[in-house]
Amino acid sequence: MKSTLSALFAIPALLLSFSAFADDAAVYHYGMPLDVAKVLSISQPNERCEVSQATMVYLDSKGEQHTVKYLRQTPMCSKV
């Protein structure tokens, strides 16, 4: 019973911690130095051909995880 209650409280806390990391994303500006050793994920909307905000999660050379937001053309534009 006690472990079930602990699990019920742990899941929302874990989900909230992930959303906190997403809010701390740096916004890229031209010339900003990035130390990207490994890209973990890149996400962006794909519905239309347009410039939209993408989010990249990566590890730096020290193994620390970072998130950066930047503008890029959607992949749909290459299909036009």
PDB file of N, CA and C in Angstrom:
ATOM      1  N   MET A   1       0.826  -1.191   0.000  1.00  0.00           N
ATOM      2  CA  MET A   1       0.000   0.000   0.000  1.00  0.00           C
ATOM      3  C   MET A   1       0.870   1.253   0.000  1.00  0.00           C
ATOM      4  N   LYS A   2       1.884   1.235   0.867  1.00  0.00           N
ATOM      5  CA  LYS A   2       2.754   2.400   0.985  1.00  0.00           C
ATOM      6  C   LYS A   2       3.535   2.628  -0.312  1.00  0.00           C
ATOM      7  N   SER A   3       4.009   1.557  -0.949  1.00  0.00           N
ATOM      8  CA  SER A   3       4.755   1.698  -2.202  1.00  0.00           C
ATOM      9  C   SER A   3       3.846   2.171  -3.332  1.00  0.00           C
ATOM     10  N   THR A   4       2.578   1.774  -3.308  1.00  0.00           N
ATOM     11  CA  THR A   4       1.625   2.227  -4.325  1.00  0.00           C
ATOM     12  C   THR A   4       1.400   3.725  -4.208  1.00  0.00           C
ATOM     13  N   LEU A   5       1.251   4.215  -2.997  1.00  0.00           N
ATOM     14  CA  LEU A   5       1.080   5.651  -2.790  1.00  0.00           C
ATOM     15  C   LEU A   5       2.324   6.418  -3.205  1.00  0.00           C
ATOM     16  N   SER A   6       3.472   5.879  -2.911  1.00  0.00           N
ATOM     17  CA  SER A   6       4.723   6.525  -3.317  1.00  0.00           C
ATOM     18  C   SER A   6       4.812   6.622  -4.830  1.00  0.00           C
ATOM     19  N   ALA A   7       4.428   5.562  -5.511  1.00  0.00           N
ATOM     20  CA  ALA A   7       4.464   5.559  -6.978  1.00  0.00           C
ATOM     21  C   ALA A   7       3.481   6.563  -7.552  1.00  0.00           C
ATOM     22  N   LEU A   8       2.307   6.684  -6.937  1.00  0.00           N
ATOM     23  CA  LEU A   8       1.308   7.638  -7.420  1.00  0.00           C
ATOM     24  C   LEU A   8       1.798   9.077  -7.316  1.00  0.00           C
ATOM     25  N   PHE A   9       2.570   9.378  -6.290  1.00  0.00           N
ATOM     26  CA  PHE A   9       3.105  10.726  -6.145  1.00  0.00           C
ATOM     27  C   PHE A   9       4.378  10.932  -6.955  1.00  0.00           C
ATOM     28  N   ALA A  10       5.110   9.874  -7.205  1.00  0.00           N
ATOM     29  CA  ALA A  10       6.376   9.987  -7.936  1.00  0.00           C
ATOM     30  C   ALA A  10       6.154  10.271  -9.419  1.00  0.00           C
ATOM     31  N   ILE A  11       5.132   9.682 -10.007  1.00  0.00           N
ATOM     32  CA  ILE A  11       4.899   9.862 -11.446  1.00  0.00           C
ATOM     33  C   ILE A  11       4.606  11.322 -11.794  1.00  0.00           C
ATOM     34  N   PRO A  12       3.670  12.010 -11.116  1.00  0.00           N
ATOM     35  CA  PRO A  12       3.464  13.426 -11.453  1.00  0.00           C
ATOM     36  C   PRO A  12       4.700  14.285 -11.185  1.00  0.00           C
ATOM     37  N   ALA A  13       5.436  13.976 -10.141  1.00  0.00           N
ATOM     38  CA  ALA A  13       6.649  14.738  -9.846  1.00  0.00           C
ATOM     39  C   ALA A  13       7.673  14.566 -10.956  1.00  0.00           C
ATOM     40  N   LEU A  14       7.789  13.357 -11.473  1.00  0.00           N
ATOM     41  CA  LEU A  14       8.714  13.094 -12.569  1.00  0.00           C
ATOM     42  C   LEU A  14       8.291  13.849 -13.824  1.00  0.00           C
ATOM     43  N   LEU A  15       7.007  13.834 -14.139  1.00  0.00           N
ATOM     44  CA  LEU A  15       6.512  14.560 -15.313  1.00  0.00           C
ATOM     45  C   LEU A  15       6.739  16.060 -15.170  1.00  0.00           C
ATOM     46  N   LEU A  16       6.539  16.594 -13.991  1.00  0.00           N
ATOM     47  CA  LEU A  16       6.781  18.021 -13.767  1.00  0.00           C
ATOM     48  C   LEU A  16       8.252  18.364 -13.917  1.00  0.00           C
ATOM     49  N   SER A  17       9.135  17.480 -13.522  1.00  0.00           N
ATOM     50  CA  SER A  17      10.567  17.760 -13.651  1.00  0.00           C
ATOM     51  C   SER A  17      10.976  17.809 -15.117  1.00  0.00           C
ATOM     52  N   PHE A  18      10.387  16.965 -15.977  1.00  0.00           N
ATOM     53  CA  PHE A  18      10.697  17.012 -17.406  1.00  0.00           C
ATOM     54  C   PHE A  18      10.220  18.314 -18.022  1.00  0.00           C
ATOM     55  N   SER A  19       9.045  18.796 -17.635  1.00  0.00           N
ATOM     56  CA  SER A  19       8.546  20.045 -18.203  1.00  0.00           C
ATOM     57  C   SER A  19       9.384  21.224 -17.732  1.00  0.00           C
ATOM     58  N   ALA A  20       9.966  21.139 -16.556  1.00  0.00           N
ATOM     59  CA  ALA A  20      10.830  22.216 -16.077  1.00  0.00           C
ATOM     60  C   ALA A  20      12.082  22.319 -16.928  1.00  0.00           C
ATOM     61  N   PHE A  21      12.640  21.186 -17.364  1.00  0.00           N
ATOM     62  CA  PHE A  21      13.815  21.222 -18.227  1.00  0.00           C
ATOM     63  C   PHE A  21      13.491  21.858 -19.568  1.00  0.00           C
ATOM     64  N   ALA A  22      12.309  21.597 -20.094  1.00  0.00           N
ATOM     65  CA  ALA A  22      11.933  22.135 -21.398  1.00  0.00           C
ATOM     66  C   ALA A  22      11.807  23.652 -21.347  1.00  0.00           C
ATOM     67  N   ASP A  23      11.364  24.204 -20.212  1.00  0.00           N
ATOM     68  CA  ASP A  23      11.201  25.646 -20.084  1.00  0.00           C
ATOM     69  C   ASP A  23      12.539  26.366 -19.969  1.00  0.00           C
ATOM     70  N   ASP A  24      13.612  25.671 -19.630  1.00  0.00           N
ATOM     71  CA  ASP A  24      14.921  26.284 -19.457  1.00  0.00           C
ATOM     72  C   ASP A  24      15.731  26.313 -20.747  1.00  0.00           C
ATOM     73  N   ALA A  25      15.095  26.083 -21.882  1.00  0.00           N
ATOM     74  CA  ALA A  25      15.808  26.043 -23.159  1.00  0.00           C
ATOM     75  C   ALA A  25      16.340  27.429 -23.507  1.00  0.00           C
ATOM     76  N   ALA A  26      17.596  27.467 -23.935  1.00  0.00           N
ATOM     77  CA  ALA A  26      18.192  28.715 -24.405  1.00  0.00           C
ATOM     78  C   ALA A  26      17.666  28.999 -25.807  1.00  0.00           C
ATOM     79  N   VAL A  27      17.520  30.271 -26.139  1.00  0.00           N
ATOM     80  CA  VAL A  27      17.109  30.661 -27.486  1.00  0.00           C
ATOM     81  C   VAL A  27      18.371  31.023 -28.257  1.00  0.00           C
ATOM     82  N   TYR A  28      18.616  30.317 -29.360  1.00  0.00           N
ATOM     83  CA  TYR A  28      19.830  30.524 -30.143  1.00  0.00           C
ATOM     84  C   TYR A  28      19.800  31.877 -30.831  1.00  0.00           C
ATOM     85  N   HIS A  29      20.941  32.553 -30.838  1.00  0.00           N
ATOM     86  CA  HIS A  29      21.127  33.767 -31.633  1.00  0.00           C
ATOM     87  C   HIS A  29      22.406  33.614 -32.448  1.00  0.00           C
ATOM     88  N   TYR A  30      22.462  34.301 -33.567  1.00  0.00           N
ATOM     89  CA  TYR A  30      23.581  34.166 -34.499  1.00  0.00           C
ATOM     90  C   TYR A  30      24.915  34.385 -33.785  1.00  0.00           C
ATOM     91  N   GLY A  31      25.855  33.487 -33.974  1.00  0.00           N
ATOM     92  CA  GLY A  31      27.179  33.593 -33.379  1.00  0.00           C
ATOM     93  C   GLY A  31      27.296  32.993 -31.992  1.00  0.00           C
ATOM     94  N   MET A  32      26.203  32.512 -31.453  1.00  0.00           N
ATOM     95  CA  MET A  32      26.216  31.912 -30.112  1.00  0.00           C
ATOM     96  C   MET A  32      27.048  30.630 -30.144  1.00  0.00           C
ATOM     97  N   PRO A  33      28.068  30.510 -29.279  1.00  0.00           N
ATOM     98  CA  PRO A  33      28.890  29.294 -29.292  1.00  0.00           C
ATOM     99  C   PRO A  33      28.118  28.110 -28.699  1.00  0.00           C
ATOM    100  N   LEU A  34      28.166  26.994 -29.399  1.00  0.00           N
ATOM    101  CA  LEU A  34      27.532  25.763 -28.919  1.00  0.00           C
ATOM    102  C   LEU A  34      28.585  24.667 -28.850  1.00  0.00           C
ATOM    103  N   ASP A  35      28.592  23.927 -27.758  1.00  0.00           N
ATOM    104  CA  ASP A  35      29.504  22.795 -27.585  1.00  0.00           C
ATOM    105  C   ASP A  35      28.670  21.524 -27.718  1.00  0.00           C
ATOM    106  N   VAL A  36      28.445  21.081 -28.946  1.00  0.00           N
ATOM    107  CA  VAL A  36      27.588  19.926 -29.205  1.00  0.00           C
ATOM    108  C   VAL A  36      28.454  18.702 -29.473  1.00  0.00           C
ATOM    109  N   ALA A  37      28.432  17.758 -28.544  1.00  0.00           N
ATOM    110  CA  ALA A  37      29.162  16.506 -28.733  1.00  0.00           C
ATOM    111  C   ALA A  37      28.242  15.435 -29.325  1.00  0.00           C
ATOM    112  N   LYS A  38      26.960  15.439 -28.896  1.00  0.00           N
ATOM    113  CA  LYS A  38      26.009  14.445 -29.393  1.00  0.00           C
ATOM    114  C   LYS A  38      24.604  15.034 -29.363  1.00  0.00           C
ATOM    115  N   VAL A  39      23.903  14.954 -30.484  1.00  0.00           N
ATOM    116  CA  VAL A  39      22.514  15.412 -30.554  1.00  0.00           C
ATOM    117  C   VAL A  39      21.617  14.275 -30.084  1.00  0.00           C
ATOM    118  N   LEU A  40      20.769  14.565 -29.093  1.00  0.00           N
ATOM    119  CA  LEU A  40      19.849  13.559 -28.567  1.00  0.00           C
ATOM    120  C   LEU A  40      18.510  13.590 -29.297  1.00  0.00           C
ATOM    121  N   SER A  41      18.027  14.797 -29.612  1.00  0.00           N
ATOM    122  CA  SER A  41      16.760  14.895 -30.344  1.00  0.00           C
ATOM    123  C   SER A  41      16.611  16.278 -30.965  1.00  0.00           C
ATOM    124  N   ILE A  42      15.858  16.316 -32.059  1.00  0.00           N
ATOM    125  CA  ILE A  42      15.460  17.573 -32.697  1.00  0.00           C
ATOM    126  C   ILE A  42      13.977  17.439 -32.990  1.00  0.00           C
ATOM    127  N   SER A  43      13.204  18.425 -32.557  1.00  0.00           N
ATOM    128  CA  SER A  43      11.768  18.374 -32.819  1.00  0.00           C
ATOM    129  C   SER A  43      11.294  19.720 -33.341  1.00  0.00           C
ATOM    130  N   GLN A  44      10.308  19.659 -34.249  1.00  0.00           N
ATOM    131  CA  GLN A  44       9.692  20.863 -34.791  1.00  0.00           C
ATOM    132  C   GLN A  44       8.399  20.473 -35.482  1.00  0.00           C
ATOM    133  N   PRO A  45       7.448  21.409 -35.579  1.00  0.00           N
ATOM    134  CA  PRO A  45       6.200  21.108 -36.287  1.00  0.00           C
ATOM    135  C   PRO A  45       6.462  20.843 -37.766  1.00  0.00           C
ATOM    136  N   ASN A  46       5.668  19.977 -38.391  1.00  0.00           N
ATOM    137  CA  ASN A  46       5.876  19.586 -39.787  1.00  0.00           C
ATOM    138  C   ASN A  46       4.683  19.858 -40.694  1.00  0.00           C
ATOM    139  N   GLU A  47       3.635  20.487 -40.216  1.00  0.00           N
ATOM    140  CA  GLU A  47       2.390  20.551 -40.971  1.00  0.00           C
ATOM    141  C   GLU A  47       2.474  21.358 -42.268  1.00  0.00           C
ATOM    142  N   ARG A  48       3.195  22.469 -42.273  1.00  0.00           N
ATOM    143  CA  ARG A  48       3.206  23.362 -43.435  1.00  0.00           C
ATOM    144  C   ARG A  48       4.631  23.752 -43.789  1.00  0.00           C
ATOM    145  N   CYS A  49       4.790  24.293 -44.990  1.00  0.00           N
ATOM    146  CA  CYS A  49       6.079  24.840 -45.408  1.00  0.00           C
ATOM    147  C   CYS A  49       6.190  26.244 -44.835  1.00  0.00           C
ATOM    148  N   GLU A  50       7.037  26.411 -43.831  1.00  0.00           N
ATOM    149  CA  GLU A  50       7.214  27.701 -43.173  1.00  0.00           C
ATOM    150  C   GLU A  50       8.468  27.656 -42.304  1.00  0.00           C
ATOM    151  N   VAL A  51       8.839  28.790 -41.781  1.00  0.00           N
ATOM    152  CA  VAL A  51       9.913  28.859 -40.796  1.00  0.00           C
ATOM    153  C   VAL A  51       9.253  28.722 -39.430  1.00  0.00           C
ATOM    154  N   SER A  52       9.738  27.781 -38.636  1.00  0.00           N
ATOM    155  CA  SER A  52       9.155  27.565 -37.315  1.00  0.00           C
ATOM    156  C   SER A  52      10.254  27.316 -36.292  1.00  0.00           C
ATOM    157  N   GLN A  53       9.851  27.334 -35.033  1.00  0.00           N
ATOM    158  CA  GLN A  53      10.816  27.125 -33.952  1.00  0.00           C
ATOM    159  C   GLN A  53      11.055  25.633 -33.746  1.00  0.00           C
ATOM    160  N   ALA A  54      12.310  25.246 -33.771  1.00  0.00           N
ATOM    161  CA  ALA A  54      12.709  23.863 -33.508  1.00  0.00           C
ATOM    162  C   ALA A  54      13.406  23.815 -32.152  1.00  0.00           C
ATOM    163  N   THR A  55      13.438  22.644 -31.565  1.00  0.00           N
ATOM    164  CA  THR A  55      14.101  22.442 -30.279  1.00  0.00           C
ATOM    165  C   THR A  55      15.101  21.303 -30.419  1.00  0.00           C
ATOM    166  N   MET A  56      16.335  21.561 -30.013  1.00  0.00           N
ATOM    167  CA  MET A  56      17.376  20.539 -30.053  1.00  0.00           C
ATOM    168  C   MET A  56      17.847  20.256 -28.630  1.00  0.00           C
ATOM    169  N   VAL A  57      17.901  18.981 -28.279  1.00  0.00           N
ATOM    170  CA  VAL A  57      18.441  18.535 -26.996  1.00  0.00           C
ATOM    171  C   VAL A  57      19.755  17.840 -27.310  1.00  0.00           C
ATOM    172  N   TYR A  58      20.819  18.241 -26.620  1.00  0.00           N
ATOM    173  CA  TYR A  58      22.139  17.698 -26.932  1.00  0.00           C
ATOM    174  C   TYR A  58      22.996  17.564 -25.687  1.00  0.00           C
ATOM    175  N   LEU A  59      24.067  16.781 -25.822  1.00  0.00           N
ATOM    176  CA  LEU A  59      25.083  16.650 -24.775  1.00  0.00           C
ATOM    177  C   LEU A  59      26.303  17.441 -25.197  1.00  0.00           C
ATOM    178  N   ASP A  60      26.914  18.155 -24.248  1.00  0.00           N
ATOM    179  CA  ASP A  60      28.151  18.868 -24.558  1.00  0.00           C
ATOM    180  C   ASP A  60      29.353  17.945 -24.328  1.00  0.00           C
ATOM    181  N   SER A  61      30.557  18.468 -24.512  1.00  0.00           N
ATOM    182  CA  SER A  61      31.766  17.644 -24.392  1.00  0.00           C
ATOM    183  C   SER A  61      32.009  17.142 -22.966  1.00  0.00           C
ATOM    184  N   LYS A  62      31.324  17.722 -21.974  1.00  0.00           N
ATOM    185  CA  LYS A  62      31.439  17.262 -20.586  1.00  0.00           C
ATOM    186  C   LYS A  62      30.339  16.268 -20.221  1.00  0.00           C
ATOM    187  N   GLY A  63      29.441  15.986 -21.179  1.00  0.00           N
ATOM    188  CA  GLY A  63      28.353  15.053 -20.924  1.00  0.00           C
ATOM    189  C   GLY A  63      27.123  15.691 -20.308  1.00  0.00           C
ATOM    190  N   GLU A  64      27.087  17.024 -20.216  1.00  0.00           N
ATOM    191  CA  GLU A  64      25.935  17.716 -19.646  1.00  0.00           C
ATOM    192  C   GLU A  64      24.884  17.939 -20.725  1.00  0.00           C
ATOM    193  N   GLN A  65      23.622  17.792 -20.349  1.00  0.00           N
ATOM    194  CA  GLN A  65      22.522  17.930 -21.307  1.00  0.00           C
ATOM    195  C   GLN A  65      22.064  19.381 -21.385  1.00  0.00           C
ATOM    196  N   HIS A  66      21.812  19.860 -22.607  1.00  0.00           N
ATOM    197  CA  HIS A  66      21.332  21.219 -22.849  1.00  0.00           C
ATOM    198  C   HIS A  66      20.193  21.176 -23.849  1.00  0.00           C
ATOM    199  N   THR A  67      19.377  22.224 -23.835  1.00  0.00           N
ATOM    200  CA  THR A  67      18.291  22.379 -24.800  1.00  0.00           C
ATOM    201  C   THR A  67      18.384  23.771 -25.390  1.00  0.00           C
ATOM    202  N   VAL A  68      18.264  23.853 -26.715  1.00  0.00           N
ATOM    203  CA  VAL A  68      18.314  25.144 -27.392  1.00  0.00           C
ATOM    204  C   VAL A  68      17.164  25.209 -28.390  1.00  0.00           C
ATOM    205  N   LYS A  69      16.532  26.371 -28.471  1.00  0.00           N
ATOM    206  CA  LYS A  69      15.466  26.609 -29.443  1.00  0.00           C
ATOM    207  C   LYS A  69      16.016  27.512 -30.533  1.00  0.00           C
ATOM    208  N   TYR A  70      15.612  27.246 -31.773  1.00  0.00           N
ATOM    209  CA  TYR A  70      16.106  28.037 -32.901  1.00  0.00           C
ATOM    210  C   TYR A  70      15.087  27.994 -34.031  1.00  0.00           C
ATOM    211  N   LEU A  71      15.218  28.912 -34.988  1.00  0.00           N
ATOM    212  CA  LEU A  71      14.319  28.960 -36.133  1.00  0.00           C
ATOM    213  C   LEU A  71      14.917  28.197 -37.297  1.00  0.00           C
ATOM    214  N   ARG A  72      14.071  27.438 -38.001  1.00  0.00           N
ATOM    215  CA  ARG A  72      14.515  26.725 -39.200  1.00  0.00           C
ATOM    216  C   ARG A  72      13.319  26.471 -40.108  1.00  0.00           C
ATOM    217  N   GLN A  73      13.620  26.220 -41.357  1.00  0.00           N
ATOM    218  CA  GLN A  73      12.582  25.908 -42.325  1.00  0.00           C
ATOM    219  C   GLN A  73      12.111  24.473 -42.094  1.00  0.00           C
ATOM    220  N   THR A  74      10.809  24.255 -42.158  1.00  0.00           N
ATOM    221  CA  THR A  74      10.283  22.912 -41.916  1.00  0.00           C
ATOM    222  C   THR A  74      10.630  21.967 -43.065  1.00  0.00           C
ATOM    223  N   PRO A  75      10.712  20.678 -42.786  1.00  0.00           N
ATOM    224  CA  PRO A  75      11.016  19.699 -43.837  1.00  0.00           C
ATOM    225  C   PRO A  75       9.964  19.652 -44.947  1.00  0.00           C
ATOM    226  N   MET A  76       8.758  20.118 -44.679  1.00  0.00           N
ATOM    227  CA  MET A  76       7.699  20.114 -45.696  1.00  0.00           C
ATOM    228  C   MET A  76       8.072  20.977 -46.900  1.00  0.00           C
ATOM    229  N   CYS A  77       8.946  21.970 -46.708  1.00  0.00           N
ATOM    230  CA  CYS A  77       9.325  22.858 -47.808  1.00  0.00           C
ATOM    231  C   CYS A  77      10.130  22.125 -48.876  1.00  0.00           C
ATOM    232  N   SER A  78      10.830  21.084 -48.505  1.00  0.00           N
ATOM    233  CA  SER A  78      11.611  20.334 -49.490  1.00  0.00           C
ATOM    234  C   SER A  78      10.727  19.434 -50.347  1.00  0.00           C
ATOM    235  N   LYS A  79       9.477  19.248 -49.944  1.00  0.00           N
ATOM    236  CA  LYS A  79       8.543  18.408 -50.699  1.00  0.00           C
ATOM    237  C   LYS A  79       7.688  19.219 -51.670  1.00  0.00           C
ATOM    238  N   VAL A  80       7.836  20.540 -51.649  1.00  0.00           N
ATOM    239  CA  VAL A  80       7.017  21.407 -52.514  1.00  0.00           C
ATOM    240  C   VAL A  80       7.569  21.419 -53.912  1.00  0.00           C
TER     241      VAL A  80
END
